[in-house]
Amino acid sequence: MMTKIDIRLKDEIGLINPNIYGHFIEHLGGVVYDGIWVGEDSEIPNIKGFRRELVEKLKEIKPSVIRWPGGCFAETYNWRDGIGPREQRPTTVNWWYMNDGKLETNQVGTHEFIEFCRLVNAEPYFAVNATTTTVLEARNWIEYCNMPQGTTTLAQEREKNGAPEPFNVKYWGLGNESWGGGGCMTPEDYCHIYRKYGIISKSVGPDLHFIACGPYEGIPEWTEKFFDKYNEMYTVGRVPPMFGYSLHYYVTNTGTMGSELEYTDTQWYEMMRIGLDMEPFIQSQYEMIRAAMPETSVGLIVDEWGVWHLQNGRHPLPGNYLFEQPSTMREAVLAALSLNIFNNHCNKVIMANVAQLVNCIHSLFLAKGSTCVATTTYYVFDMYKIHQNATSLKTEIDCKSVTFTIDGETHCIPSISCSASIKDGILAVTLANIAVDEDQEVTLNLYGGQYAGEGTIVVLSSSSHKNGNSFEDPYKVTPVEQFIAQTGSELTVTIPKASVVLVRLNVSYNDNLPAQQLSNELKRNS
């Protein structure tokens, strides 16, 4: 059957926040050292110590916001270890020391991370240690970063360390995974921590966006209990403001989905099924928050997401870093359907941060020595950047389903994932063909307007869905772009199997619909 997708120009979901296309950097394995950071004295081309090739490629895809320094690392991080002359900074035990034996040199701290964000035009998002430090130290970090030049002793210390002007960091996550490595707290325990840290810290400045720690996909009930406790003080106006509520969603592979590079078609589909389950998770979490606080404007922040191959812990790549894993078209399609979900729920999701940027989990880059490779996921982000600050449109998909059986259970998933947006008269439609064995003819029906001339189709695909980019073959899988021209209200395109596709075309709104299109609209709405 031919897939049909209805796109309604006048049925708007909302504005797609650029922060949905955010990233995550943790002091873990090879993410920071030999990942983004090579040092100012390195023979590897760098900008102020940061790997030049990575900086330039990352800047091209418009990274909106970057979360740092964790992750779990944040829960034992003392921000003062990362300021002052680098040669005088202490060497400390990294959170992940028992996993890979690496110590933390603190060569990349607050000033360096801010510099990295400025190099790539991204906003910084700091994860605050709310487990092993005091409320005052957390508040002091905000003061150090944000108070105007010369106003306080901490502002003067920042100036002494090379930054007279404030950093103006506005995104502050109060704790990380407090249900696990961030303190093994109950929702009620953590709510007390959030209220205490937030209410004390808000005195430092007016433009602070506090983010509360929510659940991962395995404990959705955390949210209801957290907001029950939160509301005890909310009703009397004695709680800190909450900008966002953090969710973590990993497609965790413990072996049931094969390995990173070897898997069956059934294992492919199992990964896609779990990835698609993020949508009902987002929906249910949003509904819980609205039920608890009907008038709130709190948005969802999926600040860790991606495919995590946990069965190995360390893949035999040249870096041999903890949680380093290669990416194939499987990770690319999973990234695409995830971003489609965020776009389609942009009225709920205000930020998302893929884990992690380089050499770790679902990364955009692999780096070692002088070599830096863009993964298949990097190119997905490059294709999808057109959605940033665009208006998300409702779509209706009529496609075949894929049925598969694994571990004795039969599942059924759609074969196509899609999102659409419009900005300045340009329609962008991004599609992921989840089917591994069949190209699909897809007709894009436009309601409320007409295709108006020239555009492009960008296709990310490969001869095998097990292909990806590597140190040996860094450009094995890259997008191919072709020009198209179309008028009228229908466009049919071929979507290769196991691929990601961007269709970009000028459109015009049409209040006086042609008779046949008007008839079709009336039938569908009846």
Protein backbone atom coordinates (compact mmCIF):
# COMPACT_ATOMS: atom_id res chain seq x y z
CA MET A 1 0.00 0.00 0.00
CA MET A 2 1.08 3.58 -0.62
CA THR A 3 1.66 5.67 2.48
CA LYS A 4 -0.38 8.85 2.68
CA ILE A 5 0.42 11.74 4.98
CA ASP A 6 -1.97 14.65 5.38
CA ILE A 7 -0.32 17.93 6.35
CA ARG A 8 -2.59 20.71 7.60
CA LEU A 9 -1.08 24.14 7.17
CA LYS A 10 -3.65 25.80 9.42
CA ASP A 11 -3.64 23.19 12.18
CA GLU A 12 -0.72 24.37 14.27
CA ILE A 13 0.69 22.54 17.29
CA GLY A 14 3.02 25.29 18.43
CA LEU A 15 6.47 26.80 17.98
CA ILE A 16 9.32 24.30 17.97
CA ASN A 17 11.75 25.46 20.65
CA PRO A 18 15.33 25.32 19.31
CA ASN A 19 16.31 23.83 22.68
CA ILE A 20 14.70 20.56 21.56
CA TYR A 21 17.91 20.19 19.53
CA GLY A 22 20.16 20.31 22.58
CA HIS A 23 23.20 18.28 23.59
CA PHE A 24 24.86 16.82 26.65
CA ILE A 25 28.48 16.78 27.80
CA GLU A 26 29.53 14.81 30.88
CA HIS A 27 32.95 14.17 32.38
CA LEU A 28 32.70 10.51 31.45
CA GLY A 29 35.04 8.33 29.40
CA GLY A 30 36.22 10.26 26.35
CA VAL A 31 33.52 12.92 26.18
CA VAL A 32 35.59 15.81 27.55
CA TYR A 33 39.24 14.78 27.47
CA ASP A 34 40.26 13.71 23.95
CA GLY A 35 36.67 14.43 22.95
CA ILE A 36 35.90 18.13 22.95
CA TRP A 37 39.15 19.07 24.76
CA VAL A 38 42.67 18.43 23.49
CA GLY A 39 44.46 21.29 25.28
CA GLU A 40 45.85 24.57 24.05
CA ASP A 41 49.36 23.12 23.59
CA SER A 42 48.16 20.13 21.57
CA GLU A 43 49.39 19.49 18.03
CA ILE A 44 45.78 18.70 17.19
CA PRO A 45 44.20 21.81 15.63
CA ASN A 46 42.24 23.53 18.38
CA ILE A 47 40.52 26.75 19.36
CA LYS A 48 41.48 27.69 22.92
CA GLY A 49 42.04 24.00 23.70
CA PHE A 50 38.88 22.70 22.04
CA ARG A 51 39.08 20.37 19.06
CA ARG A 52 38.71 22.67 16.06
CA GLU A 53 37.05 20.16 13.72
CA LEU A 54 34.41 19.25 16.27
CA VAL A 55 33.72 22.90 17.12
CA GLU A 56 33.26 23.83 13.47
CA LYS A 57 31.05 20.86 12.62
CA LEU A 58 28.92 21.28 15.74
CA LYS A 59 28.39 24.97 15.02
CA GLU A 60 27.03 24.08 11.57
CA ILE A 61 24.05 22.17 13.02
CA LYS A 62 23.00 25.02 15.33
CA PRO A 63 23.33 23.46 18.77
CA SER A 64 20.87 25.39 20.88
CA VAL A 65 21.80 24.39 24.42
CA ILE A 66 24.39 22.10 26.03
CA ARG A 67 23.99 20.42 29.42
CA TRP A 68 27.08 20.06 31.65
CA PRO A 69 28.91 18.71 33.75
CA GLY A 70 26.61 15.70 34.21
CA GLY A 71 24.86 13.39 34.51
CA CYS A 72 26.01 11.40 37.46
CA PHE A 73 29.34 13.23 37.49
CA ALA A 74 27.53 16.34 38.73
CA GLU A 75 26.54 14.66 41.99
CA THR A 76 30.09 14.72 43.35
CA TYR A 77 31.30 17.80 41.48
CA ASN A 78 32.68 20.79 43.35
CA TRP A 79 32.53 23.72 40.96
CA ARG A 80 35.44 25.41 42.73
CA ASP A 81 37.74 22.59 41.59
CA GLY A 82 37.27 23.85 38.03
CA ILE A 83 38.17 27.52 38.37
CA GLY A 84 41.47 29.39 38.70
CA PRO A 85 44.81 28.60 37.00
CA ARG A 86 44.65 25.12 35.47
CA GLU A 87 48.03 24.12 36.81
CA GLN A 88 46.74 24.73 40.34
CA ARG A 89 43.47 22.80 40.02
CA PRO A 90 43.15 19.60 42.04
CA THR A 91 43.01 16.10 40.63
CA THR A 92 39.95 14.34 42.03
CA VAL A 93 38.13 11.04 41.86
CA ASN A 94 35.66 11.04 38.98
CA TRP A 95 32.19 9.61 39.64
CA TRP A 96 32.98 6.92 37.04
CA TYR A 97 36.40 5.98 38.52
CA MET A 98 35.30 2.48 39.52
CA ASN A 99 34.21 1.84 35.93
CA ASP A 100 37.28 2.95 34.03
CA GLY A 101 39.95 3.98 36.59
CA LYS A 102 40.18 7.56 35.30
CA LEU A 103 40.78 10.54 37.56
CA GLU A 104 39.40 14.02 36.98
CA THR A 105 42.03 16.68 36.22
CA ASN A 106 39.53 19.56 36.20
CA GLN A 107 41.20 21.13 33.18
CA VAL A 108 37.75 21.87 31.82
CA GLY A 109 35.69 23.81 34.33
CA THR A 110 33.18 26.64 34.38
CA HIS A 111 35.16 29.15 32.29
CA GLU A 112 36.21 26.59 29.70
CA PHE A 113 32.71 25.22 29.27
CA ILE A 114 31.29 28.71 28.83
CA GLU A 115 33.95 29.34 26.19
CA PHE A 116 32.96 26.14 24.38
CA CYS A 117 29.31 27.23 24.35
CA ARG A 118 30.28 30.60 22.93
CA LEU A 119 32.38 28.97 20.21
CA VAL A 120 29.40 26.95 18.98
CA ASN A 121 26.68 29.55 19.73
CA ALA A 122 24.89 27.45 22.34
CA GLU A 123 23.31 28.34 25.68
CA PRO A 124 24.86 26.66 28.75
CA TYR A 125 22.71 24.45 30.97
CA PHE A 126 24.35 23.66 34.32
CA ALA A 127 23.48 20.59 36.35
CA VAL A 128 23.85 21.48 40.03
CA ASN A 129 25.19 19.07 42.64
CA ALA A 130 22.18 18.69 44.92
CA THR A 131 23.41 15.53 46.61
CA THR A 132 26.84 16.03 48.17
CA THR A 133 27.20 19.79 48.52
CA THR A 134 25.37 22.51 50.40
CA VAL A 135 22.63 24.83 49.25
CA LEU A 136 24.96 27.76 49.84
CA GLU A 137 27.65 26.35 47.52
CA ALA A 138 25.06 25.84 44.81
CA ARG A 139 23.81 29.38 45.24
CA ASN A 140 27.40 30.65 45.23
CA TRP A 141 28.01 29.00 41.84
CA ILE A 142 25.09 30.97 40.42
CA GLU A 143 26.45 34.15 42.01
CA TYR A 144 29.93 33.48 40.61
CA CYS A 145 28.51 33.03 37.12
CA ASN A 146 25.90 35.75 36.97
CA MET A 147 26.50 38.71 39.24
CA PRO A 148 27.59 41.91 37.43
CA GLN A 149 31.21 42.93 37.30
CA GLY A 150 32.61 44.19 40.60
CA THR A 151 29.43 43.75 42.62
CA THR A 152 30.40 40.91 44.96
CA THR A 153 33.52 39.11 46.07
CA LEU A 154 32.59 36.13 43.92
CA ALA A 155 32.08 38.38 40.89
CA GLN A 156 35.50 39.85 41.55
CA GLU A 157 36.96 36.35 41.75
CA ARG A 158 35.40 35.55 38.36
CA GLU A 159 37.02 38.68 36.95
CA LYS A 160 40.38 37.68 38.43
CA ASN A 161 39.99 34.35 36.65
CA GLY A 162 39.59 36.11 33.31
CA ALA A 163 35.87 36.91 32.96
CA PRO A 164 34.89 40.46 34.01
CA GLU A 165 31.43 40.22 32.46
CA PRO A 166 28.86 37.80 33.88
CA PHE A 167 28.18 34.51 32.09
CA ASN A 168 24.41 34.96 32.47
CA VAL A 169 23.68 31.24 32.78
CA LYS A 170 19.91 30.89 32.97
CA TYR A 171 19.30 27.12 32.87
CA TRP A 172 19.98 25.37 36.19
CA GLY A 173 19.07 21.75 36.83
CA LEU A 174 18.70 21.16 40.56
CA GLY A 175 19.98 17.61 40.91
CA ASN A 176 20.30 14.69 38.52
CA GLU A 177 18.63 11.28 38.64
CA SER A 178 17.81 11.80 42.30
CA TRP A 179 15.92 8.50 42.25
CA GLY A 180 19.23 6.71 41.54
CA GLY A 181 22.84 7.83 41.59
CA GLY A 182 21.77 11.30 42.66
CA GLY A 183 20.97 10.21 46.20
CA CYS A 184 18.56 7.23 45.93
CA MET A 185 15.80 9.57 47.10
CA THR A 186 12.07 9.14 47.20
CA PRO A 187 10.01 11.70 45.26
CA GLU A 188 9.09 13.33 48.56
CA ASP A 189 12.76 13.47 49.65
CA TYR A 190 13.78 15.09 46.40
CA CYS A 191 10.91 17.56 46.44
CA HIS A 192 12.21 18.86 49.77
CA ILE A 193 15.69 19.25 48.21
CA TYR A 194 14.30 21.03 45.16
CA ARG A 195 12.26 23.45 47.23
CA LYS A 196 15.20 24.22 49.49
CA TYR A 197 17.79 24.70 46.74
CA GLY A 198 15.44 26.68 44.56
CA ILE A 199 14.07 29.06 47.16
CA ILE A 200 17.58 29.96 48.41
CA SER A 201 19.13 30.27 44.95
CA LYS A 202 16.47 32.44 43.37
CA SER A 203 17.71 35.44 45.37
CA VAL A 204 20.79 35.65 43.11
CA GLY A 205 19.00 36.89 40.01
CA PRO A 206 15.66 37.34 38.28
CA ASP A 207 16.23 35.35 35.07
CA LEU A 208 16.93 31.89 36.47
CA HIS A 209 15.22 28.88 34.93
CA PHE A 210 15.16 26.06 37.49
CA ILE A 211 14.66 22.50 36.29
CA ALA A 212 13.39 19.78 38.60
CA CYS A 213 14.46 16.14 38.40
CA GLY A 214 11.71 13.89 37.11
CA PRO A 215 11.69 10.15 36.39
CA TYR A 216 13.11 7.82 33.83
CA GLU A 217 10.77 5.61 31.83
CA GLY A 218 10.78 2.86 34.44
CA ILE A 219 9.28 4.87 37.32
CA PRO A 220 6.54 7.09 35.85
CA GLU A 221 4.73 7.23 39.22
CA TRP A 222 7.55 9.44 40.58
CA THR A 223 5.87 12.49 39.05
CA GLU A 224 2.54 12.18 40.81
CA LYS A 225 4.21 11.78 44.21
CA PHE A 226 6.64 14.64 43.58
CA PHE A 227 3.89 17.11 42.67
CA ASP A 228 1.69 16.03 45.56
CA LYS A 229 4.50 17.13 47.86
CA TYR A 230 5.35 20.20 45.80
CA ASN A 231 1.76 21.43 45.99
CA GLU A 232 1.83 21.45 49.79
CA MET A 233 3.80 24.70 49.64
CA TYR A 234 2.83 25.84 46.15
CA THR A 235 -0.65 26.76 47.31
CA VAL A 236 0.78 29.31 49.73
CA GLY A 237 3.34 30.69 47.29
CA ARG A 238 6.37 29.42 49.17
CA VAL A 239 8.14 27.36 46.56
CA PRO A 240 10.71 28.34 43.92
CA PRO A 241 9.49 28.82 40.38
CA MET A 242 9.86 25.78 38.11
CA PHE A 243 10.74 26.32 34.48
CA GLY A 244 11.06 22.70 33.43
CA TYR A 245 10.65 19.13 34.58
CA SER A 246 13.34 16.69 33.53
CA LEU A 247 12.70 13.25 32.03
CA HIS A 248 15.26 10.64 31.02
CA TYR A 249 14.45 8.14 28.30
CA TYR A 250 17.00 5.61 27.09
CA VAL A 251 16.45 2.79 24.65
CA THR A 252 18.57 0.45 26.74
CA ASN A 253 20.03 -2.58 24.99
CA THR A 254 21.14 -5.31 27.39
CA GLY A 255 21.54 -7.80 24.56
CA THR A 256 17.95 -8.33 23.43
CA MET A 257 18.57 -5.99 20.47
CA GLY A 258 21.80 -7.62 19.32
CA SER A 259 25.09 -5.78 19.48
CA GLU A 260 26.01 -2.36 18.15
CA LEU A 261 26.92 -3.68 14.70
CA GLU A 262 25.29 -7.10 14.51
CA TYR A 263 21.55 -7.50 14.87
CA THR A 264 18.60 -9.10 13.14
CA ASP A 265 15.69 -7.32 11.51
CA THR A 266 13.56 -8.32 14.50
CA GLN A 267 16.08 -6.75 16.88
CA TRP A 268 16.00 -3.60 14.75
CA TYR A 269 12.24 -3.40 15.13
CA GLU A 270 12.41 -4.03 18.86
CA MET A 271 14.68 -0.99 19.20
CA MET A 272 12.26 1.13 17.17
CA ARG A 273 9.31 -0.08 19.24
CA ILE A 274 10.91 1.03 22.48
CA GLY A 275 11.93 4.32 20.89
CA LEU A 276 8.35 4.97 19.80
CA ASP A 277 7.17 4.30 23.36
CA MET A 278 8.70 7.62 24.36
CA GLU A 279 5.61 9.34 22.92
CA PRO A 280 3.07 7.88 25.40
CA PHE A 281 5.62 8.43 28.20
CA ILE A 282 5.78 12.14 27.33
CA GLN A 283 2.02 12.36 27.03
CA SER A 284 1.33 10.67 30.37
CA GLN A 285 3.94 12.73 32.22
CA TYR A 286 2.49 15.93 30.81
CA GLU A 287 -1.02 14.91 31.86
CA MET A 288 0.16 14.13 35.42
CA ILE A 289 1.69 17.59 35.75
CA ARG A 290 -1.40 19.29 34.38
CA ALA A 291 -3.65 17.29 36.70
CA ALA A 292 -1.56 18.37 39.69
CA MET A 293 -1.08 21.99 38.57
CA PRO A 294 -3.70 22.99 35.95
CA GLU A 295 -2.48 26.58 35.69
CA THR A 296 1.23 25.83 35.48
CA SER A 297 3.45 26.61 32.50
CA VAL A 298 6.08 23.99 33.42
CA GLY A 299 7.47 22.33 30.31
CA LEU A 300 9.02 18.90 29.84
CA ILE A 301 12.77 18.63 29.36
CA VAL A 302 14.07 15.30 28.07
CA ASP A 303 17.64 16.07 29.02
CA GLU A 304 18.99 12.56 28.47
CA TRP A 305 17.82 10.38 25.61
CA GLY A 306 19.22 7.96 23.08
CA VAL A 307 20.30 4.38 22.43
CA TRP A 308 22.49 2.89 25.15
CA HIS A 309 24.16 -0.43 24.44
CA LEU A 310 24.80 -1.55 27.99
CA GLN A 311 25.71 -5.16 27.29
CA ASN A 312 29.38 -4.32 26.65
CA GLY A 313 30.10 -1.16 28.65
CA ARG A 314 33.09 -0.46 26.42
CA HIS A 315 33.14 -1.16 22.71
CA PRO A 316 36.50 -2.04 21.10
CA LEU A 317 36.82 1.27 19.26
CA PRO A 318 40.24 2.99 19.06
CA GLY A 319 39.45 5.24 22.01
CA ASN A 320 38.40 2.34 24.24
CA TYR A 321 36.34 4.78 26.27
CA LEU A 322 33.63 3.91 28.73
CA PHE A 323 30.22 3.64 27.00
CA GLU A 324 31.73 4.52 23.64
CA GLN A 325 29.70 2.93 20.86
CA PRO A 326 29.51 3.15 17.07
CA SER A 327 26.39 4.31 15.26
CA THR A 328 24.74 2.77 12.23
CA MET A 329 21.57 3.64 10.33
CA ARG A 330 19.74 2.09 13.28
CA GLU A 331 20.81 4.93 15.58
CA ALA A 332 20.07 7.45 12.82
CA VAL A 333 16.48 6.26 12.35
CA LEU A 334 15.96 6.08 16.13
CA ALA A 335 17.24 9.67 16.46
CA ALA A 336 14.92 10.79 13.66
CA LEU A 337 11.79 9.26 15.14
CA SER A 338 12.71 10.72 18.55
CA LEU A 339 13.08 14.21 17.11
CA ASN A 340 9.78 13.74 15.27
CA ILE A 341 8.14 12.96 18.60
CA PHE A 342 9.59 16.12 20.16
CA ASN A 343 8.45 18.24 17.19
CA ASN A 344 4.94 16.76 17.35
CA HIS A 345 4.77 17.53 21.08
CA CYS A 346 6.49 20.90 21.04
CA ASN A 347 3.57 22.27 23.07
CA LYS A 348 4.79 20.02 25.89
CA VAL A 349 8.54 19.49 25.31
CA ILE A 350 10.63 22.65 25.61
CA MET A 351 14.10 21.11 25.66
CA ALA A 352 15.83 17.82 24.87
CA ASN A 353 19.48 16.81 25.12
CA VAL A 354 20.77 13.77 23.28
CA ALA A 355 23.28 11.69 25.26
CA GLN A 356 26.08 12.34 24.58
CA LEU A 357 27.97 14.62 22.22
CA VAL A 358 31.13 12.62 21.54
CA ASN A 359 32.62 9.19 22.29
CA CYS A 360 29.74 8.10 24.48
CA ILE A 361 26.34 6.41 24.08
CA HIS A 362 24.27 7.94 21.21
CA SER A 363 26.97 10.36 20.11
CA LEU A 364 27.24 12.74 17.19
CA PHE A 365 31.02 12.39 17.00
CA LEU A 366 33.77 9.80 17.50
CA ALA A 367 37.16 11.34 18.24
CA LYS A 368 40.62 9.99 18.98
CA GLY A 369 43.93 11.75 18.55
CA SER A 370 43.77 13.95 15.46
CA THR A 371 40.74 12.17 13.96
CA CYS A 372 37.15 13.30 14.39
CA VAL A 373 34.28 11.45 12.71
CA ALA A 374 30.68 12.65 12.34
CA THR A 375 28.28 9.77 13.01
CA THR A 376 25.02 9.05 11.22
CA THR A 377 23.20 10.79 14.09
CA TYR A 378 25.13 14.00 13.38
CA TYR A 379 23.64 14.13 9.91
CA VAL A 380 20.13 13.62 11.28
CA PHE A 381 20.58 16.71 13.45
CA ASP A 382 21.94 18.58 10.43
CA MET A 383 18.85 17.67 8.38
CA TYR A 384 16.42 18.50 11.20
CA LYS A 385 17.86 21.90 12.16
CA ILE A 386 15.39 23.51 9.74
CA HIS A 387 12.64 22.84 12.31
CA GLN A 388 14.16 25.17 14.90
CA ASN A 389 11.87 28.15 15.60
CA ALA A 390 9.40 26.87 13.01
CA THR A 391 5.71 26.18 13.64
CA SER A 392 4.89 22.50 14.06
CA LEU A 393 1.93 21.29 12.00
CA LYS A 394 -0.43 18.42 12.66
CA THR A 395 -0.03 15.44 10.37
CA GLU A 396 -2.10 12.32 9.86
CA ILE A 397 -0.30 9.20 8.66
CA ASP A 398 -1.89 6.27 6.84
CA CYS A 399 0.85 3.67 6.48
CA LYS A 400 1.35 -0.04 6.72
CA SER A 401 2.30 -1.61 10.02
CA VAL A 402 5.24 -3.86 10.80
CA THR A 403 4.44 -6.95 12.86
CA PHE A 404 7.22 -8.89 14.59
CA THR A 405 7.65 -11.39 17.41
CA ILE A 406 10.42 -11.32 20.00
CA ASP A 407 10.75 -13.30 23.22
CA GLY A 408 7.37 -14.86 22.57
CA GLU A 409 5.52 -11.53 22.30
CA THR A 410 4.08 -10.11 19.10
CA HIS A 411 4.22 -6.37 18.48
CA CYS A 412 2.91 -4.04 15.80
CA ILE A 413 4.51 -0.68 14.99
CA PRO A 414 4.01 1.91 12.21
CA SER A 415 6.46 1.77 9.32
CA ILE A 416 6.77 5.56 9.00
CA SER A 417 7.53 8.35 11.47
CA CYS A 418 6.92 11.96 10.44
CA SER A 419 6.88 15.57 11.60
CA ALA A 420 6.24 18.77 9.66
CA SER A 421 6.80 22.46 10.26
CA ILE A 422 6.59 25.76 8.42
CA LYS A 423 8.60 28.95 8.67
CA ASP A 424 8.78 31.91 6.29
CA GLY A 425 6.72 30.06 3.69
CA ILE A 426 9.00 27.01 3.66
CA LEU A 427 7.49 23.65 4.58
CA ALA A 428 9.83 21.06 6.10
CA VAL A 429 8.73 17.44 6.37
CA THR A 430 11.05 14.94 8.05
CA LEU A 431 10.42 11.23 7.70
CA ALA A 432 11.96 8.03 9.00
CA ASN A 433 11.32 4.78 7.15
CA ILE A 434 11.31 2.22 9.94
CA ALA A 435 10.91 -0.68 7.51
CA VAL A 436 14.26 -2.39 6.92
CA ASP A 437 13.24 -4.35 3.83
CA GLU A 438 11.07 -2.05 1.73
CA ASP A 439 11.26 1.33 0.05
CA GLN A 440 8.03 3.25 0.51
CA GLU A 441 6.11 5.52 -1.83
CA VAL A 442 4.79 8.37 0.29
CA THR A 443 2.23 10.92 -0.85
CA LEU A 444 2.27 14.21 1.05
CA ASN A 445 -1.18 15.77 0.82
CA LEU A 446 -1.22 19.46 1.62
CA TYR A 447 -4.39 20.92 3.13
CA GLY A 448 -4.91 24.67 3.31
CA GLY A 449 -2.36 25.55 0.65
CA GLN A 450 -0.34 24.63 -2.41
CA TYR A 451 3.20 23.58 -3.16
CA ALA A 452 4.78 26.60 -4.79
CA GLY A 453 7.82 25.80 -6.85
CA GLU A 454 11.32 24.61 -6.11
CA GLY A 455 12.68 22.73 -3.14
CA THR A 456 14.98 19.91 -2.14
CA ILE A 457 14.89 16.35 -0.88
CA VAL A 458 17.71 15.21 1.38
CA VAL A 459 18.15 11.46 1.92
CA LEU A 460 20.30 9.71 4.51
CA SER A 461 20.49 6.02 3.64
CA SER A 462 22.93 3.22 2.89
CA SER A 463 23.09 -0.09 1.07
CA SER A 464 22.89 -1.81 4.47
CA HIS A 465 21.16 -0.60 7.62
CA LYS A 466 24.19 -1.90 9.52
CA ASN A 467 26.47 0.66 7.90
CA GLY A 468 27.81 3.67 9.73
CA ASN A 469 30.79 6.01 9.79
CA SER A 470 34.06 4.90 11.37
CA PHE A 471 37.67 5.97 11.74
CA GLU A 472 38.48 3.71 8.79
CA ASP A 473 35.62 5.00 6.61
CA PRO A 474 34.46 8.36 8.00
CA TYR A 475 32.12 9.24 5.12
CA LYS A 476 30.51 5.89 4.40
CA VAL A 477 27.02 7.25 5.18
CA THR A 478 26.28 10.87 4.30
CA PRO A 479 23.16 12.69 3.07
CA VAL A 480 22.41 13.11 -0.63
CA GLU A 481 20.48 16.18 -1.76
CA GLN A 482 18.48 16.67 -4.94
CA PHE A 483 16.35 19.52 -6.24
CA ILE A 484 12.65 19.15 -6.93
CA ALA A 485 9.87 21.34 -8.26
CA GLN A 486 6.22 20.85 -7.41
CA THR A 487 2.91 22.65 -7.67
CA GLY A 488 -0.55 21.62 -6.58
CA SER A 489 -1.49 19.96 -3.32
CA GLU A 490 0.09 16.50 -3.70
CA LEU A 491 3.70 15.36 -3.76
CA THR A 492 4.83 11.74 -3.99
CA VAL A 493 8.35 10.79 -2.94
CA THR A 494 10.21 7.52 -2.51
CA ILE A 495 11.61 6.88 0.94
CA PRO A 496 14.38 4.24 0.86
CA LYS A 497 14.25 1.43 3.38
CA ALA A 498 15.80 2.18 6.78
CA SER A 499 16.36 5.82 5.91
CA VAL A 500 15.82 9.39 7.06
CA VAL A 501 14.46 11.96 4.60
CA LEU A 502 13.91 15.72 4.61
CA VAL A 503 11.49 17.26 2.11
CA ARG A 504 11.76 21.05 1.91
CA LEU A 505 9.46 23.09 -0.36
CA ASN A 506 8.00 26.55 -0.70
CA VAL A 507 4.26 26.62 -0.10
CA SER A 508 1.50 29.20 -0.35
CA TYR A 509 -1.59 29.41 1.81
CA ASN A 510 -4.87 29.18 -0.03
CA ASP A 511 -8.14 30.27 1.54
CA ASN A 512 -10.02 29.50 -1.64
CA LEU A 513 -9.38 25.80 -1.96
CA PRO A 514 -9.94 24.01 -5.27
CA ALA A 515 -13.26 22.14 -5.37
CA GLN A 516 -11.70 18.68 -5.16
CA GLN A 517 -9.46 19.62 -2.25
CA LEU A 518 -12.36 21.30 -0.47
CA SER A 519 -14.43 18.14 -0.97
CA ASN A 520 -11.63 16.02 0.46
CA GLU A 521 -11.36 18.29 3.50
CA LEU A 522 -15.09 18.15 4.15
CA LYS A 523 -15.14 14.35 3.91
CA ARG A 524 -12.22 14.00 6.31
CA ASN A 525 -13.70 16.39 8.86
CA SER A 526 -17.19 14.90 8.74
